[in-house]
């Protein structure tokens, strides 16, 4: 009988039968896995099965091709610590939803697992006023793309090889382009945020606007490679919208 034990990140669940559910989890040693949880949809266990929770898992099946069943025990709650920080909570849900959509099933990825746990820890210690943690989120998405074979190359210009005055990213190659080369085609290129190596400060972007451009950059390549035929995750759209609202309110306050 095939079986394994590991710590997992809880990604999602669907009701099955009266009180059962099918859970999707991310395991460092086993990748994204689905399994049936007996009584998982009961009132008693519902608090354990929230997106982003870290659990100990035991999976087993009669044969390896079957979906199998899980026994899950809570190690650490994540979402409840973010209930009063809607931007961080939307980021957490986005991480889980994107992972659940695009991670290959049953393919181990310990590097991405550890990066995800570290990002969760960063979310939990951040407050609503300090937004620098968003850089960590964007770098997580860049790392996710890289781990799945779609690396962005942002260190030098794709045309000249220069490492200075980088300002744009090519939507076709995912490579950086310097300001002088990209300016005539800027409407067809993606802005490279300053915190990712962009040196084009001609627009005098503030930090929040720079972070929003970072989210727009990774969103483009996530959509291009994984979401052509299905809706982009709602939680990810909400995450960006909350930051845009924060930017808009900041502009209003500046005008007063």
Protein backbone atom coordinates (compact mmCIF):
# COMPACT_ATOMS: atom_id res chain seq x y z
CA UNK A 1 0.00 0.00 0.00
CA UNK A 2 1.59 3.31 -1.10
CA UNK A 3 1.76 5.97 1.61
CA UNK A 4 3.79 8.96 2.81
CA UNK A 5 4.07 11.41 5.71
CA UNK A 6 5.11 15.04 5.41
CA UNK A 7 4.29 18.60 6.46
CA UNK A 8 2.00 20.33 3.97
CA UNK A 9 0.47 23.69 3.13
CA UNK A 10 -3.30 23.47 2.86
CA UNK A 11 -4.35 24.94 -0.52
CA UNK A 12 -8.06 24.25 -1.03
CA UNK A 13 -10.96 21.89 -0.40
CA UNK A 14 -14.23 20.77 -1.96
CA UNK A 15 -17.14 19.12 -0.12
CA UNK A 16 -17.64 15.44 -0.86
CA UNK A 17 -20.65 13.61 0.50
CA UNK A 18 -22.31 14.70 3.70
CA UNK A 19 -19.27 15.63 5.83
CA UNK A 20 -16.30 14.53 3.72
CA UNK A 21 -14.09 16.66 1.52
CA UNK A 22 -11.38 16.45 -1.11
CA UNK A 23 -8.32 18.43 0.01
CA UNK A 24 -5.52 19.83 -2.11
CA UNK A 25 -2.18 20.34 -0.33
CA UNK A 26 1.39 21.26 -1.18
CA UNK A 27 4.02 18.90 0.23
CA UNK A 28 7.75 19.64 0.09
CA UNK A 29 8.68 16.03 -0.66
CA UNK A 30 5.65 15.03 -2.73
CA UNK A 31 4.42 18.18 -4.49
CA UNK A 32 0.79 19.11 -4.93
CA UNK A 33 -1.46 16.26 -3.83
CA UNK A 34 -5.18 15.63 -3.55
CA UNK A 35 -6.87 13.24 -1.18
CA UNK A 36 -10.15 12.48 0.54
CA UNK A 37 -10.54 13.58 4.17
CA UNK A 38 -13.12 11.68 6.21
CA UNK A 39 -15.24 14.14 8.17
CA UNK A 40 -13.20 17.05 6.82
CA UNK A 41 -16.29 19.19 6.23
CA UNK A 42 -17.63 18.76 9.75
CA UNK A 43 -17.94 21.73 12.11
CA UNK A 44 -15.35 20.15 14.40
CA UNK A 45 -12.59 20.05 11.78
CA UNK A 46 -13.45 23.01 9.59
CA UNK A 47 -11.08 25.40 11.37
CA UNK A 48 -8.13 23.13 10.58
CA UNK A 49 -8.76 23.19 6.85
CA UNK A 50 -8.18 26.84 5.97
CA UNK A 51 -6.02 28.05 3.12
CA UNK A 52 -2.41 28.61 4.14
CA UNK A 53 -2.50 26.46 7.28
CA UNK A 54 0.54 24.28 7.90
CA UNK A 55 -0.46 20.69 8.68
CA UNK A 56 1.13 17.32 9.24
CA UNK A 57 -0.20 14.91 6.65
CA UNK A 58 -0.40 11.18 6.21
CA UNK A 59 -1.54 10.02 2.76
CA UNK A 60 -2.31 6.46 1.74
CA UNK A 61 -4.08 4.60 -1.03
CA UNK A 62 -4.63 1.04 -2.16
CA UNK A 63 -2.65 1.73 -5.35
CA UNK A 64 -0.56 4.79 -6.25
CA UNK A 65 -2.85 5.80 -9.13
CA UNK A 66 -5.77 6.38 -6.78
CA UNK A 67 -6.57 9.73 -5.21
CA UNK A 68 -6.20 8.15 -1.79
CA UNK A 69 -7.06 9.65 1.59
CA UNK A 70 -5.48 12.11 4.00
CA UNK A 71 -5.15 12.29 7.74
CA UNK A 72 -4.36 15.93 8.53
CA UNK A 73 -3.40 17.56 11.83
CA UNK A 74 -2.95 21.30 12.31
CA UNK A 75 0.57 22.53 13.08
CA UNK A 76 0.14 26.27 12.59
CA UNK A 77 -2.71 28.55 11.53
CA UNK A 78 -1.91 31.32 9.07
CA UNK A 79 -5.08 33.02 7.83
CA UNK A 80 -6.53 33.90 11.30
CA UNK A 81 -3.43 35.97 12.10
CA UNK A 82 -4.16 38.13 9.03
CA UNK A 83 -7.91 38.68 9.50
CA UNK A 84 -7.45 42.38 10.27
CA UNK A 85 -4.94 42.96 7.46
CA UNK A 86 -6.95 42.55 4.24
CA UNK A 87 -4.01 43.22 1.90
CA UNK A 88 -1.87 40.52 3.52
CA UNK A 89 -4.83 38.14 3.68
CA UNK A 90 -5.55 38.60 -0.03
CA UNK A 91 -1.86 37.90 -0.75
CA UNK A 92 -2.04 34.68 1.29
CA UNK A 93 -5.16 33.51 -0.56
CA UNK A 94 -3.51 34.43 -3.86
CA UNK A 95 -0.47 32.28 -3.06
CA UNK A 96 -2.70 29.30 -2.30
CA UNK A 97 -4.98 29.78 -5.29
CA UNK A 98 -2.16 30.24 -7.80
CA UNK A 99 -0.26 27.25 -6.37
CA UNK A 100 -3.38 25.10 -6.54
CA UNK A 101 -3.97 26.08 -10.17
CA UNK A 102 -0.52 25.69 -11.67
CA UNK A 103 1.75 23.45 -9.59
CA UNK A 104 2.26 20.10 -11.35
CA UNK A 105 0.53 17.32 -9.45
CA UNK A 106 2.79 14.96 -7.48
CA UNK A 107 6.05 16.67 -8.49
CA UNK A 108 8.25 17.54 -5.46
CA UNK A 109 9.49 21.11 -5.17
CA UNK A 110 11.22 21.65 -1.79
CA UNK A 111 12.73 24.98 -2.92
CA UNK A 112 9.33 26.50 -3.64
CA UNK A 113 7.84 24.97 -0.49
CA UNK A 114 10.47 26.62 1.73
CA UNK A 115 10.07 29.94 -0.13
CA UNK A 116 6.32 29.80 0.46
CA UNK A 117 6.70 29.13 4.19
CA UNK A 118 9.14 32.06 4.48
CA UNK A 119 6.69 34.33 2.65
CA UNK A 120 3.88 33.30 5.03
CA UNK A 121 6.13 34.22 7.96
CA UNK A 122 6.81 37.59 6.34
CA UNK A 123 3.09 38.25 5.90
CA UNK A 124 2.40 37.51 9.56
CA UNK A 125 4.93 40.01 10.91
CA UNK A 126 3.99 42.82 8.49
CA UNK A 127 1.58 45.61 9.32
CA UNK A 128 -0.84 47.55 7.14
CA UNK A 129 1.43 50.60 6.88
CA UNK A 130 4.66 48.85 5.87
CA UNK A 131 4.28 47.54 2.32
CA UNK A 132 7.87 46.46 1.68
CA UNK A 133 6.79 42.80 2.12
CA UNK A 134 5.10 43.05 -1.29
CA UNK A 135 8.59 42.79 -2.79
CA UNK A 136 8.84 39.35 -1.20
CA UNK A 137 5.52 38.36 -2.74
CA UNK A 138 6.57 39.48 -6.22
CA UNK A 139 9.90 37.69 -5.90
CA UNK A 140 7.93 34.58 -4.89
CA UNK A 141 5.96 34.77 -8.16
CA UNK A 142 9.19 35.28 -10.12
CA UNK A 143 10.64 32.24 -8.36
CA UNK A 144 7.48 30.25 -9.10
CA UNK A 145 7.78 31.08 -12.82
CA UNK A 146 11.45 30.09 -12.74
CA UNK A 147 10.80 26.78 -10.97
CA UNK A 148 8.22 25.89 -13.61
CA UNK A 149 10.54 26.71 -16.52
CA UNK A 150 9.63 30.33 -17.34
CA UNK A 151 12.52 32.37 -15.96
CA UNK A 152 12.59 36.15 -16.31
CA UNK A 153 16.04 37.56 -17.14
CA UNK A 154 16.19 41.06 -15.69
CA UNK A 155 19.92 41.58 -15.11
CA UNK A 156 20.99 42.93 -18.51
CA UNK A 157 19.58 44.36 -21.72
CA UNK A 158 18.50 41.73 -24.24
CA UNK A 159 19.74 43.91 -27.13
CA UNK A 160 22.91 45.61 -25.91
CA UNK A 161 23.97 43.45 -22.96
CA UNK A 162 24.22 46.57 -20.80
CA UNK A 163 23.47 46.21 -17.08
CA UNK A 164 22.62 49.87 -16.56
CA UNK A 165 19.61 52.09 -17.38
CA UNK A 166 17.28 49.09 -17.63
CA UNK A 167 13.69 50.25 -17.91
CA UNK A 168 11.47 47.71 -19.68
CA UNK A 169 10.79 43.99 -20.08
CA UNK A 170 10.02 42.28 -23.38
CA UNK A 171 6.64 40.48 -23.25
CA UNK A 172 7.94 37.95 -25.78
CA UNK A 173 11.20 36.92 -24.11
CA UNK A 174 10.87 38.01 -20.47
CA UNK A 175 14.20 39.82 -20.78
CA UNK A 176 15.08 43.34 -19.68
CA UNK A 177 15.54 46.17 -22.20
CA UNK A 178 17.43 49.41 -21.54
CA UNK A 179 15.68 52.77 -21.77
CA UNK A 180 17.34 54.01 -24.95
CA UNK A 181 16.57 50.85 -26.91
CA UNK A 182 13.04 50.38 -25.56
CA UNK A 183 11.78 53.97 -25.66
CA UNK A 184 10.48 53.82 -29.28
CA UNK A 185 8.53 50.65 -28.37
CA UNK A 186 7.54 51.52 -24.81
CA UNK A 187 3.81 51.01 -25.50
CA UNK A 188 4.55 47.38 -26.40
CA UNK A 189 6.90 46.71 -23.47
CA UNK A 190 6.33 46.17 -19.74
CA UNK A 191 7.79 48.60 -17.21
CA UNK A 192 10.65 47.20 -15.10
CA UNK A 193 10.18 48.28 -11.45
CA UNK A 194 13.06 49.98 -9.71
CA UNK A 195 13.29 47.35 -6.97
CA UNK A 196 13.82 44.65 -9.63
CA UNK A 197 16.73 46.50 -11.21
CA UNK A 198 14.96 49.17 -13.23
CA UNK A 199 16.91 52.43 -13.23
CA UNK A 200 14.38 54.51 -15.09
CA UNK A 201 13.24 57.04 -12.48
CA UNK A 202 12.11 59.60 -15.05
CA UNK A 203 8.51 59.15 -13.95
CA UNK A 204 9.41 59.72 -10.28
CA UNK A 205 7.50 56.59 -9.22
CA UNK A 206 6.83 56.17 -5.53
CA UNK A 207 7.39 52.83 -3.80
CA UNK A 208 3.76 51.73 -3.91
CA UNK A 209 3.40 52.47 -7.62
CA UNK A 210 6.66 50.60 -8.22
CA UNK A 211 5.28 47.55 -6.39
CA UNK A 212 2.04 47.65 -8.38
CA UNK A 213 4.09 47.64 -11.58
CA UNK A 214 5.92 44.60 -10.23
CA UNK A 215 2.60 42.81 -9.77
CA UNK A 216 1.57 43.80 -13.30
CA UNK A 217 4.82 42.35 -14.62
CA UNK A 218 4.43 38.93 -12.98
CA UNK A 219 0.69 38.85 -13.74
CA UNK A 220 1.42 39.20 -17.44
CA UNK A 221 3.72 36.17 -17.50
CA UNK A 222 1.48 34.08 -15.23
CA UNK A 223 -1.45 34.75 -17.57
CA UNK A 224 0.64 34.11 -20.66
CA UNK A 225 1.92 30.74 -19.49
CA UNK A 226 -0.82 29.33 -17.26
CA UNK A 227 -4.14 31.20 -17.50
CA UNK A 228 -4.83 31.61 -21.20
CA UNK A 229 -7.94 29.44 -21.10
CA UNK A 230 -9.16 29.99 -17.54
CA UNK A 231 -9.94 33.00 -15.34
CA UNK A 232 -7.09 34.62 -13.49
CA UNK A 233 -7.35 33.94 -9.73
CA UNK A 234 -9.80 36.33 -8.08
CA UNK A 235 -7.72 36.62 -4.91
CA UNK A 236 -4.73 37.82 -6.94
CA UNK A 237 -6.85 40.47 -8.68
CA UNK A 238 -8.20 41.60 -5.30
CA UNK A 239 -4.68 41.83 -3.90
CA UNK A 240 -3.63 44.24 -6.66
CA UNK A 241 -6.89 46.19 -6.38
CA UNK A 242 -6.37 46.79 -2.64
CA UNK A 243 -2.89 48.17 -3.31
CA UNK A 244 -4.24 50.38 -6.11
CA UNK A 245 -6.91 51.70 -3.73
CA UNK A 246 -4.17 52.46 -1.20
CA UNK A 247 -2.23 54.35 -3.87
CA UNK A 248 -5.35 56.30 -4.89
CA UNK A 249 -6.12 57.29 -1.29
CA UNK A 250 -2.52 58.42 -0.90
CA UNK A 251 -2.87 60.70 -3.91
CA UNK A 252 -6.07 62.19 -2.47
CA UNK A 253 -4.36 62.88 0.85
CA UNK A 254 -1.43 64.52 -0.96
CA UNK A 255 -3.80 66.94 -2.70
CA UNK A 256 -5.40 68.12 0.53
